[in-house]
Amino acid sequence: MAPAGPAPVDLCPQPNRRGDHRGRLRKDSACSPRRHRRRWPNASPWTFGARSWQRRFAFSAVRLAINAGMGIGPVLAGILFSVSPGLLPWGTAVGYVASAFILARARITAGSAVDDAADQAAVDGQAGGPDRSGPRFWSFLAATTPIHLAYALPSTVASVYVIHTLDEPPGWASAIFAVNAFMVITCEIGLNHAMLGLSRRASLLIGYACAVVGFVLMGFGIYQTWLLLVATAVWTLGEMIVYPVMPDHVSAITPDRRRARNMGLYTAHFNLGVVLAPLIFLPLVQGLGPVVSWSLVGGVLLAGLLGTAAISSSPRLWGEEHQRATAPAAADKESAAV
């Protein structure tokens, strides 16, 4: 029998036996079912403090904001520069002030005591058990290294590969970035919302498989250029799955006292791939050719997939995963509990 966790804390006021209803819920109170249903579609939960079933959605929203900013920012900067170069720093300052105002007005709420207890149980493995967060974090970081190396390639070497190696017009390189950006902006939120019911293990393995297929196909662009766009769509599908799941898992297996440190190490690990991937790949593609080079990338990803499958099969190295409900179902469950 699984050991009992901490007793849940009732954060919602209830009427007492004397009939005193001073604790009755207001329509806009934090515990009101109506409020839960109203807030979910526009929720932007703080990624570290979000509840377990919201966290993946939150990381997807962060990635959406980053990609939208990278697409819109250069356009606005170009317009300001065409009017007057001196407007660029003023436009940046206005953007920072607007962001600060939005954050100041945002309602950032923490998860409930029940959710926090469930997350802490997943970190510890069992009540009173040894702290295994360190081995879990480092083994997960090692198993996902191929992901960071592979996904650093499109942003760093795609243009060189298309224009110099394949001797194709620059428009094909632009098309790769356009397909990637379009899919991320339009599909990532909905895709991760639909996959909330899947475990982190299943989601990560599916994303890994998409990455293997997509990056291997990149090498066959030497025969048919349009295959580059098909390959981009496939590995972008993997990107939309794995990149919200990875920080979600890091957050889930890390105790509160180490969460900021581990998320920082995770970000540094991602940037390490950006530094190393082009240094390794460009000499390979010159010496071995496109098909063999991209197949090697796929082989490294396959090794990462098998490594992830191995560590995720061990509760000591992966931790426990509690069944997730979809967002509307979870909101209704909370409402019924009230």
C-alpha atoms as a PDB file:
ATOM      1  CA  MET A   1       0.000   0.000   0.000  1.00  0.00           C
ATOM      2  CA  ALA A   2       1.338   3.419  -0.921  1.00  0.00           C
ATOM      3  CA  PRO A   3       2.122   5.595   2.110  1.00  0.00           C
ATOM      4  CA  ALA A   4      -0.281   8.407   2.736  1.00  0.00           C
ATOM      5  CA  GLY A   5       0.896  11.867   1.814  1.00  0.00           C
ATOM      6  CA  PRO A   6       0.305  15.119   3.702  1.00  0.00           C
ATOM      7  CA  ALA A   7      -3.311  15.852   4.543  1.00  0.00           C
ATOM      8  CA  PRO A   8      -4.865  18.241   2.028  1.00  0.00           C
ATOM      9  CA  VAL A   9      -5.434  21.774   3.213  1.00  0.00           C
ATOM     10  CA  ASP A  10      -8.876  23.256   2.585  1.00  0.00           C
ATOM     11  CA  LEU A  11      -8.200  26.740   1.282  1.00  0.00           C
ATOM     12  CA  CYS A  12     -11.888  27.568   0.684  1.00  0.00           C
ATOM     13  CA  PRO A  13     -14.068  28.881   3.513  1.00  0.00           C
ATOM     14  CA  GLN A  14     -17.121  26.798   4.406  1.00  0.00           C
ATOM     15  CA  PRO A  15     -20.294  27.629   6.380  1.00  0.00           C
ATOM     16  CA  ASN A  16     -20.185  26.592  10.027  1.00  0.00           C
ATOM     17  CA  ARG A  17     -22.740  24.439  11.840  1.00  0.00           C
ATOM     18  CA  ARG A  18     -24.595  27.400  13.278  1.00  0.00           C
ATOM     19  CA  GLY A  19     -25.688  28.424   9.831  1.00  0.00           C
ATOM     20  CA  ASP A  20     -23.264  31.348   9.743  1.00  0.00           C
ATOM     21  CA  HIS A  21     -22.585  31.805   6.050  1.00  0.00           C
ATOM     22  CA  ARG A  22     -19.924  34.438   6.369  1.00  0.00           C
ATOM     23  CA  GLY A  23     -17.615  32.007   4.649  1.00  0.00           C
ATOM     24  CA  ARG A  24     -19.929  31.678   1.648  1.00  0.00           C
ATOM     25  CA  LEU A  25     -18.108  31.913  -1.676  1.00  0.00           C
ATOM     26  CA  ARG A  26     -18.368  35.090  -3.640  1.00  0.00           C
ATOM     27  CA  LYS A  27     -18.868  34.775  -7.386  1.00  0.00           C
ATOM     28  CA  ASP A  28     -15.376  36.061  -8.081  1.00  0.00           C
ATOM     29  CA  SER A  29     -13.565  34.316  -5.228  1.00  0.00           C
ATOM     30  CA  ALA A  30     -10.495  32.186  -5.927  1.00  0.00           C
ATOM     31  CA  CYS A  31     -12.428  29.017  -5.017  1.00  0.00           C
ATOM     32  CA  SER A  32     -15.523  29.792  -7.077  1.00  0.00           C
ATOM     33  CA  PRO A  33     -16.308  27.262  -9.823  1.00  0.00           C
ATOM     34  CA  ARG A  34     -17.494  30.100 -12.027  1.00  0.00           C
ATOM     35  CA  ARG A  35     -14.156  31.789 -11.695  1.00  0.00           C
ATOM     36  CA  HIS A  36     -12.267  28.625 -12.649  1.00  0.00           C
ATOM     37  CA  ARG A  37     -14.293  28.215 -15.796  1.00  0.00           C
ATOM     38  CA  ARG A  38     -13.902  31.851 -16.694  1.00  0.00           C
ATOM     39  CA  ARG A  39     -10.166  32.072 -16.139  1.00  0.00           C
ATOM     40  CA  TRP A  40      -8.931  28.916 -17.856  1.00  0.00           C
ATOM     41  CA  PRO A  41      -9.122  29.981 -21.548  1.00  0.00           C
ATOM     42  CA  ASN A  42      -7.036  33.093 -20.836  1.00  0.00           C
ATOM     43  CA  ALA A  43      -4.790  31.581 -18.199  1.00  0.00           C
ATOM     44  CA  SER A  44      -1.072  32.299 -18.410  1.00  0.00           C
ATOM     45  CA  PRO A  45       0.173  30.419 -15.338  1.00  0.00           C
ATOM     46  CA  TRP A  46       3.579  31.209 -13.943  1.00  0.00           C
ATOM     47  CA  THR A  47       5.650  28.303 -15.226  1.00  0.00           C
ATOM     48  CA  PHE A  48       7.379  27.399 -11.966  1.00  0.00           C
ATOM     49  CA  GLY A  49       4.349  27.818  -9.732  1.00  0.00           C
ATOM     50  CA  ALA A  50       1.771  26.369 -12.109  1.00  0.00           C
ATOM     51  CA  ARG A  51      -0.113  23.244 -11.192  1.00  0.00           C
ATOM     52  CA  SER A  52       1.140  19.960 -12.589  1.00  0.00           C
ATOM     53  CA  TRP A  53      -1.534  19.741 -15.297  1.00  0.00           C
ATOM     54  CA  GLN A  54      -0.976  23.375 -16.321  1.00  0.00           C
ATOM     55  CA  ARG A  55       2.798  23.426 -16.424  1.00  0.00           C
ATOM     56  CA  ARG A  56       3.282  21.978 -19.913  1.00  0.00           C
ATOM     57  CA  PHE A  57       0.694  24.388 -21.286  1.00  0.00           C
ATOM     58  CA  ALA A  58       2.520  27.234 -19.550  1.00  0.00           C
ATOM     59  CA  PHE A  59       5.868  26.357 -21.106  1.00  0.00           C
ATOM     60  CA  SER A  60       4.168  26.148 -24.518  1.00  0.00           C
ATOM     61  CA  ALA A  61       2.773  29.638 -23.974  1.00  0.00           C
ATOM     62  CA  VAL A  62       6.239  30.934 -23.104  1.00  0.00           C
ATOM     63  CA  ARG A  63       7.670  29.434 -26.297  1.00  0.00           C
ATOM     64  CA  LEU A  64       4.821  30.964 -28.284  1.00  0.00           C
ATOM     65  CA  ALA A  65       5.603  34.384 -26.849  1.00  0.00           C
ATOM     66  CA  ILE A  66       9.293  33.997 -27.697  1.00  0.00           C
ATOM     67  CA  ASN A  67       8.650  32.910 -31.275  1.00  0.00           C
ATOM     68  CA  ALA A  68       6.024  35.587 -31.832  1.00  0.00           C
ATOM     69  CA  GLY A  69       8.427  38.201 -30.493  1.00  0.00           C
ATOM     70  CA  MET A  70      11.235  36.976 -32.759  1.00  0.00           C
ATOM     71  CA  GLY A  71       8.912  37.291 -35.742  1.00  0.00           C
ATOM     72  CA  ILE A  72       7.258  40.600 -34.903  1.00  0.00           C
ATOM     73  CA  GLY A  73      10.305  42.349 -33.418  1.00  0.00           C
ATOM     74  CA  PRO A  74      12.403  42.610 -36.607  1.00  0.00           C
ATOM     75  CA  VAL A  75       9.383  43.876 -38.556  1.00  0.00           C
ATOM     76  CA  LEU A  76       8.708  46.664 -36.054  1.00  0.00           C
ATOM     77  CA  ALA A  77      12.431  47.462 -35.845  1.00  0.00           C
ATOM     78  CA  GLY A  78      12.601  47.732 -39.630  1.00  0.00           C
ATOM     79  CA  ILE A  79       9.682  50.152 -39.702  1.00  0.00           C
ATOM     80  CA  LEU A  80      11.205  52.320 -36.960  1.00  0.00           C
ATOM     81  CA  PHE A  81      14.615  52.262 -38.631  1.00  0.00           C
ATOM     82  CA  SER A  82      13.138  53.359 -41.949  1.00  0.00           C
ATOM     83  CA  VAL A  83      11.579  56.359 -40.213  1.00  0.00           C
ATOM     84  CA  SER A  84      14.574  57.241 -38.041  1.00  0.00           C
ATOM     85  CA  PRO A  85      17.359  55.037 -36.580  1.00  0.00           C
ATOM     86  CA  GLY A  86      17.141  57.036 -33.376  1.00  0.00           C
ATOM     87  CA  LEU A  87      13.679  55.614 -32.727  1.00  0.00           C
ATOM     88  CA  LEU A  88      15.033  52.086 -32.130  1.00  0.00           C
ATOM     89  CA  PRO A  89      16.143  52.569 -28.488  1.00  0.00           C
ATOM     90  CA  TRP A  90      12.933  54.477 -27.746  1.00  0.00           C
ATOM     91  CA  GLY A  91      10.853  51.661 -29.209  1.00  0.00           C
ATOM     92  CA  THR A  92      12.747  49.137 -27.067  1.00  0.00           C
ATOM     93  CA  ALA A  93      12.158  51.249 -23.961  1.00  0.00           C
ATOM     94  CA  VAL A  94       8.432  51.487 -24.689  1.00  0.00           C
ATOM     95  CA  GLY A  95       8.311  47.702 -25.083  1.00  0.00           C
ATOM     96  CA  TYR A  96       9.955  47.172 -21.690  1.00  0.00           C
ATOM     97  CA  VAL A  97       7.581  49.618 -19.996  1.00  0.00           C
ATOM     98  CA  ALA A  98       4.573  47.891 -21.573  1.00  0.00           C
ATOM     99  CA  SER A  99       5.860  44.489 -20.424  1.00  0.00           C
ATOM    100  CA  ALA A 100       6.392  45.765 -16.894  1.00  0.00           C
ATOM    101  CA  PHE A 101       2.855  47.178 -16.813  1.00  0.00           C
ATOM    102  CA  ILE A 102       1.371  43.858 -18.019  1.00  0.00           C
ATOM    103  CA  LEU A 103       3.323  41.881 -15.407  1.00  0.00           C
ATOM    104  CA  ALA A 104       2.301  44.301 -12.689  1.00  0.00           C
ATOM    105  CA  ARG A 105      -1.356  43.855 -13.612  1.00  0.00           C
ATOM    106  CA  ALA A 106      -1.173  40.087 -14.109  1.00  0.00           C
ATOM    107  CA  ARG A 107      -2.650  37.764 -11.509  1.00  0.00           C
ATOM    108  CA  ILE A 108       0.009  35.164 -10.866  1.00  0.00           C
ATOM    109  CA  THR A 109      -1.266  32.452  -8.564  1.00  0.00           C
ATOM    110  CA  ALA A 110       0.397  29.445  -7.006  1.00  0.00           C
ATOM    111  CA  GLY A 111      -0.883  25.884  -7.170  1.00  0.00           C
ATOM    112  CA  SER A 112      -3.048  24.416  -4.459  1.00  0.00           C
ATOM    113  CA  ALA A 113      -1.674  22.581  -1.437  1.00  0.00           C
ATOM    114  CA  VAL A 114      -2.922  19.279  -2.854  1.00  0.00           C
ATOM    115  CA  ASP A 115      -1.077  19.810  -6.131  1.00  0.00           C
ATOM    116  CA  ASP A 116       2.087  20.858  -4.294  1.00  0.00           C
ATOM    117  CA  ALA A 117       1.922  17.736  -2.149  1.00  0.00           C
ATOM    118  CA  ALA A 118       1.505  15.544  -5.230  1.00  0.00           C
ATOM    119  CA  ASP A 119       4.473  17.176  -6.942  1.00  0.00           C
ATOM    120  CA  GLN A 120       6.615  16.787  -3.830  1.00  0.00           C
ATOM    121  CA  ALA A 121       5.653  13.111  -3.601  1.00  0.00           C
ATOM    122  CA  ALA A 122       6.779  12.670  -7.196  1.00  0.00           C
ATOM    123  CA  VAL A 123      10.091  14.317  -6.324  1.00  0.00           C
ATOM    124  CA  ASP A 124      10.714  12.159  -3.263  1.00  0.00           C
ATOM    125  CA  GLY A 125       9.412   8.945  -4.812  1.00  0.00           C
ATOM    126  CA  GLN A 126       7.827   7.988  -1.518  1.00  0.00           C
ATOM    127  CA  ALA A 127       7.092   9.716   1.744  1.00  0.00           C
ATOM    128  CA  GLY A 128      10.186   9.868   3.905  1.00  0.00           C
ATOM    129  CA  GLY A 129      12.285   8.285   1.141  1.00  0.00           C
ATOM    130  CA  PRO A 130      15.759   9.405   0.092  1.00  0.00           C
ATOM    131  CA  ASP A 131      16.171  12.495  -2.022  1.00  0.00           C
ATOM    132  CA  ARG A 132      16.807  11.192  -5.548  1.00  0.00           C
ATOM    133  CA  SER A 133      16.294  14.511  -7.332  1.00  0.00           C
ATOM    134  CA  GLY A 134      20.017  14.793  -8.134  1.00  0.00           C
ATOM    135  CA  PRO A 135      20.432  11.484 -10.025  1.00  0.00           C
ATOM    136  CA  ARG A 136      17.083  12.019 -11.745  1.00  0.00           C
ATOM    137  CA  PHE A 137      18.040  15.481 -12.954  1.00  0.00           C
ATOM    138  CA  TRP A 138      21.513  14.585 -14.203  1.00  0.00           C
ATOM    139  CA  SER A 139      20.405  11.371 -15.922  1.00  0.00           C
ATOM    140  CA  PHE A 140      17.572  13.256 -17.635  1.00  0.00           C
ATOM    141  CA  LEU A 141      19.991  15.974 -18.739  1.00  0.00           C
ATOM    142  CA  ALA A 142      22.313  13.357 -20.222  1.00  0.00           C
ATOM    143  CA  ALA A 143      19.496  11.517 -22.009  1.00  0.00           C
ATOM    144  CA  THR A 144      18.200  14.721 -23.627  1.00  0.00           C
ATOM    145  CA  THR A 145      21.606  16.021 -24.801  1.00  0.00           C
ATOM    146  CA  PRO A 146      20.969  14.723 -28.360  1.00  0.00           C
ATOM    147  CA  ILE A 147      17.802  16.817 -28.539  1.00  0.00           C
ATOM    148  CA  HIS A 148      19.687  20.045 -27.826  1.00  0.00           C
ATOM    149  CA  LEU A 149      22.463  19.174 -30.264  1.00  0.00           C
ATOM    150  CA  ALA A 150      20.083  18.300 -33.099  1.00  0.00           C
ATOM    151  CA  TYR A 151      17.676  21.200 -32.671  1.00  0.00           C
ATOM    152  CA  ALA A 152      20.547  23.674 -32.626  1.00  0.00           C
ATOM    153  CA  LEU A 153      21.307  22.750 -36.253  1.00  0.00           C
ATOM    154  CA  PRO A 154      18.363  24.403 -38.066  1.00  0.00           C
ATOM    155  CA  SER A 155      19.002  27.835 -36.587  1.00  0.00           C
ATOM    156  CA  THR A 156      22.794  27.672 -37.010  1.00  0.00           C
ATOM    157  CA  VAL A 157      23.556  25.677 -40.184  1.00  0.00           C
ATOM    158  CA  ALA A 158      20.329  25.455 -42.223  1.00  0.00           C
ATOM    159  CA  SER A 159      21.175  28.474 -44.388  1.00  0.00           C
ATOM    160  CA  VAL A 160      24.732  27.259 -45.028  1.00  0.00           C
ATOM    161  CA  TYR A 161      23.468  23.761 -45.792  1.00  0.00           C
ATOM    162  CA  VAL A 162      20.826  24.883 -48.280  1.00  0.00           C
ATOM    163  CA  ILE A 163      22.809  27.595 -50.074  1.00  0.00           C
ATOM    164  CA  HIS A 164      26.360  26.196 -50.093  1.00  0.00           C
ATOM    165  CA  THR A 165      26.014  22.424 -49.707  1.00  0.00           C
ATOM    166  CA  LEU A 166      22.876  21.878 -51.788  1.00  0.00           C
ATOM    167  CA  ASP A 167      23.491  24.930 -54.025  1.00  0.00           C
ATOM    168  CA  GLU A 168      19.846  25.958 -53.836  1.00  0.00           C
ATOM    169  CA  PRO A 169      18.377  29.490 -53.892  1.00  0.00           C
ATOM    170  CA  PRO A 170      18.197  31.302 -50.531  1.00  0.00           C
ATOM    171  CA  GLY A 171      14.398  31.159 -50.729  1.00  0.00           C
ATOM    172  CA  TRP A 172      14.495  27.499 -49.699  1.00  0.00           C
ATOM    173  CA  ALA A 173      16.299  28.419 -46.483  1.00  0.00           C
ATOM    174  CA  SER A 174      13.672  31.060 -45.812  1.00  0.00           C
ATOM    175  CA  ALA A 175      10.966  28.478 -46.488  1.00  0.00           C
ATOM    176  CA  ILE A 176      12.414  26.178 -43.813  1.00  0.00           C
ATOM    177  CA  PHE A 177      12.243  28.932 -41.208  1.00  0.00           C
ATOM    178  CA  ALA A 178       8.766  29.951 -42.385  1.00  0.00           C
ATOM    179  CA  VAL A 179       7.377  26.412 -42.038  1.00  0.00           C
ATOM    180  CA  ASN A 180       8.920  26.055 -38.584  1.00  0.00           C
ATOM    181  CA  ALA A 181       7.663  29.419 -37.329  1.00  0.00           C
ATOM    182  CA  PHE A 182       4.176  28.951 -38.776  1.00  0.00           C
ATOM    183  CA  MET A 183       3.726  25.539 -37.148  1.00  0.00           C
ATOM    184  CA  VAL A 184       5.053  26.658 -33.759  1.00  0.00           C
ATOM    185  CA  ILE A 185       2.884  29.774 -33.634  1.00  0.00           C
ATOM    186  CA  THR A 186      -0.324  28.145 -34.876  1.00  0.00           C
ATOM    187  CA  CYS A 187      -0.124  24.572 -33.559  1.00  0.00           C
ATOM    188  CA  GLU A 188       2.021  24.266 -30.430  1.00  0.00           C
ATOM    189  CA  ILE A 189      -0.503  25.467 -27.866  1.00  0.00           C
ATOM    190  CA  GLY A 190      -3.306  23.302 -29.253  1.00  0.00           C
ATOM    191  CA  LEU A 191      -1.048  20.262 -29.641  1.00  0.00           C
ATOM    192  CA  ASN A 192       0.189  20.358 -26.060  1.00  0.00           C
ATOM    193  CA  HIS A 193      -3.303  21.049 -24.769  1.00  0.00           C
ATOM    194  CA  ALA A 194      -4.488  17.918 -26.578  1.00  0.00           C
ATOM    195  CA  MET A 195      -1.572  15.879 -25.164  1.00  0.00           C
ATOM    196  CA  LEU A 196      -2.029  16.870 -21.519  1.00  0.00           C
ATOM    197  CA  GLY A 197      -3.524  13.461 -20.807  1.00  0.00           C
ATOM    198  CA  LEU A 198      -0.305  11.701 -21.888  1.00  0.00           C
ATOM    199  CA  SER A 199       2.531  11.079 -19.474  1.00  0.00           C
ATOM    200  CA  ARG A 200       5.760  13.008 -19.833  1.00  0.00           C
ATOM    201  CA  ARG A 201       7.508   9.747 -20.761  1.00  0.00           C
ATOM    202  CA  ALA A 202       5.134   8.969 -23.639  1.00  0.00           C
ATOM    203  CA  SER A 203       5.201  12.546 -24.916  1.00  0.00           C
ATOM    204  CA  LEU A 204       8.988  12.734 -24.860  1.00  0.00           C
ATOM    205  CA  LEU A 205       9.396   9.422 -26.708  1.00  0.00           C
ATOM    206  CA  ILE A 206       6.890  10.500 -29.378  1.00  0.00           C
ATOM    207  CA  GLY A 207       8.733  13.782 -29.841  1.00  0.00           C
ATOM    208  CA  TYR A 208      12.075  11.989 -30.012  1.00  0.00           C
ATOM    209  CA  ALA A 209      10.725   9.669 -32.731  1.00  0.00           C
ATOM    210  CA  CYS A 210       9.535  12.648 -34.803  1.00  0.00           C
ATOM    211  CA  ALA A 211      12.968  14.233 -34.451  1.00  0.00           C
ATOM    212  CA  VAL A 212      14.731  11.066 -35.644  1.00  0.00           C
ATOM    213  CA  VAL A 213      12.601  10.843 -38.791  1.00  0.00           C
ATOM    214  CA  GLY A 214      12.681  14.564 -39.536  1.00  0.00           C
ATOM    215  CA  PHE A 215      16.427  15.059 -39.284  1.00  0.00           C
ATOM    216  CA  VAL A 216      17.215  11.939 -41.313  1.00  0.00           C
ATOM    217  CA  LEU A 217      14.940  13.282 -44.066  1.00  0.00           C
ATOM    218  CA  MET A 218      16.937  16.528 -44.146  1.00  0.00           C
ATOM    219  CA  GLY A 219      19.785  14.656 -45.844  1.00  0.00           C
ATOM    220  CA  PHE A 220      17.556  13.503 -48.701  1.00  0.00           C
ATOM    221  CA  GLY A 221      16.998  17.115 -49.707  1.00  0.00           C
ATOM    222  CA  ILE A 222      19.984  16.611 -51.983  1.00  0.00           C
ATOM    223  CA  TYR A 223      17.721  14.519 -54.255  1.00  0.00           C
ATOM    224  CA  GLN A 224      14.423  16.411 -53.953  1.00  0.00           C
ATOM    225  CA  THR A 225      14.539  19.896 -52.485  1.00  0.00           C
ATOM    226  CA  TRP A 226      10.895  19.819 -51.416  1.00  0.00           C
ATOM    227  CA  LEU A 227      11.793  17.042 -48.973  1.00  0.00           C
ATOM    228  CA  LEU A 228      13.446  19.760 -46.875  1.00  0.00           C
ATOM    229  CA  LEU A 229      10.008  21.195 -46.136  1.00  0.00           C
ATOM    230  CA  VAL A 230       8.554  17.776 -45.321  1.00  0.00           C
ATOM    231  CA  ALA A 231      11.497  17.094 -43.020  1.00  0.00           C
ATOM    232  CA  THR A 232      11.048  20.497 -41.378  1.00  0.00           C
ATOM    233  CA  ALA A 233       7.382  19.796 -40.684  1.00  0.00           C
ATOM    234  CA  VAL A 234       8.254  16.452 -39.058  1.00  0.00           C
ATOM    235  CA  TRP A 235      11.079  17.674 -36.822  1.00  0.00           C
ATOM    236  CA  THR A 236       9.042  20.782 -35.939  1.00  0.00           C
ATOM    237  CA  LEU A 237       6.294  18.461 -34.728  1.00  0.00           C
ATOM    238  CA  GLY A 238       8.876  16.820 -32.466  1.00  0.00           C
ATOM    239  CA  GLU A 239      10.107  20.227 -31.305  1.00  0.00           C
ATOM    240  CA  MET A 240       6.598  21.314 -30.327  1.00  0.00           C
ATOM    241  CA  ILE A 241       6.262  18.180 -28.195  1.00  0.00           C
ATOM    242  CA  VAL A 242       9.646  17.830 -26.484  1.00  0.00           C
ATOM    243  CA  TYR A 243      10.501  21.412 -25.622  1.00  0.00           C
ATOM    244  CA  PRO A 244       7.503  22.050 -23.360  1.00  0.00           C
ATOM    245  CA  VAL A 245       7.842  18.546 -21.859  1.00  0.00           C
ATOM    246  CA  MET A 246      11.525  18.806 -20.924  1.00  0.00           C
ATOM    247  CA  PRO A 247      11.293  21.852 -18.612  1.00  0.00           C
ATOM    248  CA  ASP A 248       8.012  20.423 -17.313  1.00  0.00           C
ATOM    249  CA  HIS A 249       9.839  17.258 -16.248  1.00  0.00           C
ATOM    250  CA  VAL A 250      12.777  19.179 -14.779  1.00  0.00           C
ATOM    251  CA  SER A 251      10.349  21.246 -12.721  1.00  0.00           C
ATOM    252  CA  ALA A 252       8.419  18.144 -11.635  1.00  0.00           C
ATOM    253  CA  ILE A 253      11.450  16.165 -10.389  1.00  0.00           C
ATOM    254  CA  THR A 254      13.169  19.088  -8.684  1.00  0.00           C
ATOM    255  CA  PRO A 255      12.440  20.158  -5.090  1.00  0.00           C
ATOM    256  CA  ASP A 256      11.594  23.799  -4.540  1.00  0.00           C
ATOM    257  CA  ARG A 257      14.951  24.656  -3.024  1.00  0.00           C
ATOM    258  CA  ARG A 258      16.809  23.586  -6.192  1.00  0.00           C
ATOM    259  CA  ARG A 259      14.300  24.507  -8.865  1.00  0.00           C
ATOM    260  CA  ALA A 260      15.899  27.797  -9.915  1.00  0.00           C
ATOM    261  CA  ARG A 261      19.348  26.188 -10.067  1.00  0.00           C
ATOM    262  CA  ASN A 262      18.203  23.214 -12.116  1.00  0.00           C
ATOM    263  CA  MET A 263      16.230  25.337 -14.556  1.00  0.00           C
ATOM    264  CA  GLY A 264      19.319  27.491 -15.006  1.00  0.00           C
ATOM    265  CA  LEU A 265      21.435  24.402 -15.692  1.00  0.00           C
ATOM    266  CA  TYR A 266      18.821  23.183 -18.149  1.00  0.00           C
ATOM    267  CA  THR A 267      19.002  26.495 -20.043  1.00  0.00           C
ATOM    268  CA  ALA A 268      22.810  26.373 -20.058  1.00  0.00           C
ATOM    269  CA  HIS A 269      22.621  22.814 -21.379  1.00  0.00           C
ATOM    270  CA  PHE A 270      20.400  24.019 -24.229  1.00  0.00           C
ATOM    271  CA  ASN A 271      22.863  26.809 -25.104  1.00  0.00           C
ATOM    272  CA  LEU A 272      25.747  24.334 -25.042  1.00  0.00           C
ATOM    273  CA  GLY A 273      24.085  22.573 -27.964  1.00  0.00           C
ATOM    274  CA  VAL A 274      23.919  25.855 -29.890  1.00  0.00           C
ATOM    275  CA  VAL A 275      27.689  26.268 -29.433  1.00  0.00           C
ATOM    276  CA  LEU A 276      28.807  22.704 -30.196  1.00  0.00           C
ATOM    277  CA  ALA A 277      26.385  21.523 -32.896  1.00  0.00           C
ATOM    278  CA  PRO A 278      27.627  23.677 -35.825  1.00  0.00           C
ATOM    279  CA  LEU A 279      31.275  23.038 -34.904  1.00  0.00           C
ATOM    280  CA  ILE A 280      30.666  19.295 -35.173  1.00  0.00           C
ATOM    281  CA  PHE A 281      28.219  19.169 -38.067  1.00  0.00           C
ATOM    282  CA  LEU A 282      29.797  21.440 -40.702  1.00  0.00           C
ATOM    283  CA  PRO A 283      33.066  19.431 -41.001  1.00  0.00           C
ATOM    284  CA  LEU A 284      30.981  16.242 -41.154  1.00  0.00           C
ATOM    285  CA  VAL A 285      28.756  17.413 -44.008  1.00  0.00           C
ATOM    286  CA  GLN A 286      31.798  18.543 -45.981  1.00  0.00           C
ATOM    287  CA  GLY A 287      33.583  15.235 -45.556  1.00  0.00           C
ATOM    288  CA  LEU A 288      30.743  12.698 -45.568  1.00  0.00           C
ATOM    289  CA  GLY A 289      27.982  14.356 -47.553  1.00  0.00           C
ATOM    290  CA  PRO A 290      24.413  15.292 -46.617  1.00  0.00           C
ATOM    291  CA  VAL A 291      22.798  11.857 -46.406  1.00  0.00           C
ATOM    292  CA  VAL A 292      25.413  10.286 -44.138  1.00  0.00           C
ATOM    293  CA  SER A 293      25.771  13.412 -41.970  1.00  0.00           C
ATOM    294  CA  TRP A 294      22.041  13.818 -41.292  1.00  0.00           C
ATOM    295  CA  SER A 295      21.730  10.061 -40.787  1.00  0.00           C
ATOM    296  CA  LEU A 296      24.374  10.345 -38.067  1.00  0.00           C
ATOM    297  CA  VAL A 297      22.280  13.079 -36.468  1.00  0.00           C
ATOM    298  CA  GLY A 298      19.313  10.724 -36.587  1.00  0.00           C
ATOM    299  CA  GLY A 299      21.436   7.964 -35.061  1.00  0.00           C
ATOM    300  CA  VAL A 300      22.456  10.201 -32.160  1.00  0.00           C
ATOM    301  CA  LEU A 301      18.802  11.068 -31.603  1.00  0.00           C
ATOM    302  CA  LEU A 302      17.884   7.371 -31.699  1.00  0.00           C
ATOM    303  CA  ALA A 303      20.489   6.721 -29.014  1.00  0.00           C
ATOM    304  CA  GLY A 304      18.912   9.496 -26.957  1.00  0.00           C
ATOM    305  CA  LEU A 305      15.465   7.973 -27.467  1.00  0.00           C
ATOM    306  CA  LEU A 306      16.674   4.588 -26.224  1.00  0.00           C
ATOM    307  CA  GLY A 307      18.433   6.212 -23.276  1.00  0.00           C
ATOM    308  CA  THR A 308      15.291   8.132 -22.344  1.00  0.00           C
ATOM    309  CA  ALA A 309      13.218   4.952 -22.630  1.00  0.00           C
ATOM    310  CA  ALA A 310      15.671   3.190 -20.315  1.00  0.00           C
ATOM    311  CA  ILE A 311      15.795   5.803 -17.548  1.00  0.00           C
ATOM    312  CA  SER A 312      12.048   6.439 -17.725  1.00  0.00           C
ATOM    313  CA  SER A 313      11.475   2.758 -17.001  1.00  0.00           C
ATOM    314  CA  SER A 314      13.202   3.153 -13.625  1.00  0.00           C
ATOM    315  CA  PRO A 315      11.224   4.955 -10.881  1.00  0.00           C
ATOM    316  CA  ARG A 316      14.542   5.677  -9.138  1.00  0.00           C
ATOM    317  CA  LEU A 317      15.791   7.687 -12.126  1.00  0.00           C
ATOM    318  CA  TRP A 318      12.493   9.056 -13.434  1.00  0.00           C
ATOM    319  CA  GLY A 319      10.154   9.424 -10.489  1.00  0.00           C
ATOM    320  CA  GLU A 320       6.447   8.828 -10.306  1.00  0.00           C
ATOM    321  CA  GLU A 321       4.058  10.368 -12.784  1.00  0.00           C
ATOM    322  CA  HIS A 322       0.554  11.081 -11.556  1.00  0.00           C
ATOM    323  CA  GLN A 323      -2.247  10.770 -14.069  1.00  0.00           C
ATOM    324  CA  ARG A 324      -3.024  14.106 -15.623  1.00  0.00           C
ATOM    325  CA  ALA A 325      -6.470  15.336 -16.451  1.00  0.00           C
ATOM    326  CA  THR A 326      -7.203  17.604 -19.343  1.00  0.00           C
ATOM    327  CA  ALA A 327      -7.601  21.246 -18.409  1.00  0.00           C
ATOM    328  CA  PRO A 328     -11.421  21.444 -18.581  1.00  0.00           C
ATOM    329  CA  ALA A 329     -11.802  18.134 -16.736  1.00  0.00           C
ATOM    330  CA  ALA A 330      -9.444  19.254 -14.000  1.00  0.00           C
ATOM    331  CA  ALA A 331     -11.293  22.553 -13.628  1.00  0.00           C
ATOM    332  CA  ASP A 332     -14.622  20.747 -13.346  1.00  0.00           C
ATOM    333  CA  LYS A 333     -13.171  18.386 -10.754  1.00  0.00           C
ATOM    334  CA  GLU A 334     -11.990  21.337  -8.673  1.00  0.00           C
ATOM    335  CA  SER A 335     -15.390  22.974  -9.029  1.00  0.00           C
ATOM    336  CA  ALA A 336     -17.184  19.823  -7.869  1.00  0.00           C
ATOM    337  CA  ALA A 337     -14.881  19.593  -4.852  1.00  0.00           C
ATOM    338  CA  VAL A 338     -16.002  23.067  -3.805  1.00  0.00           C
END
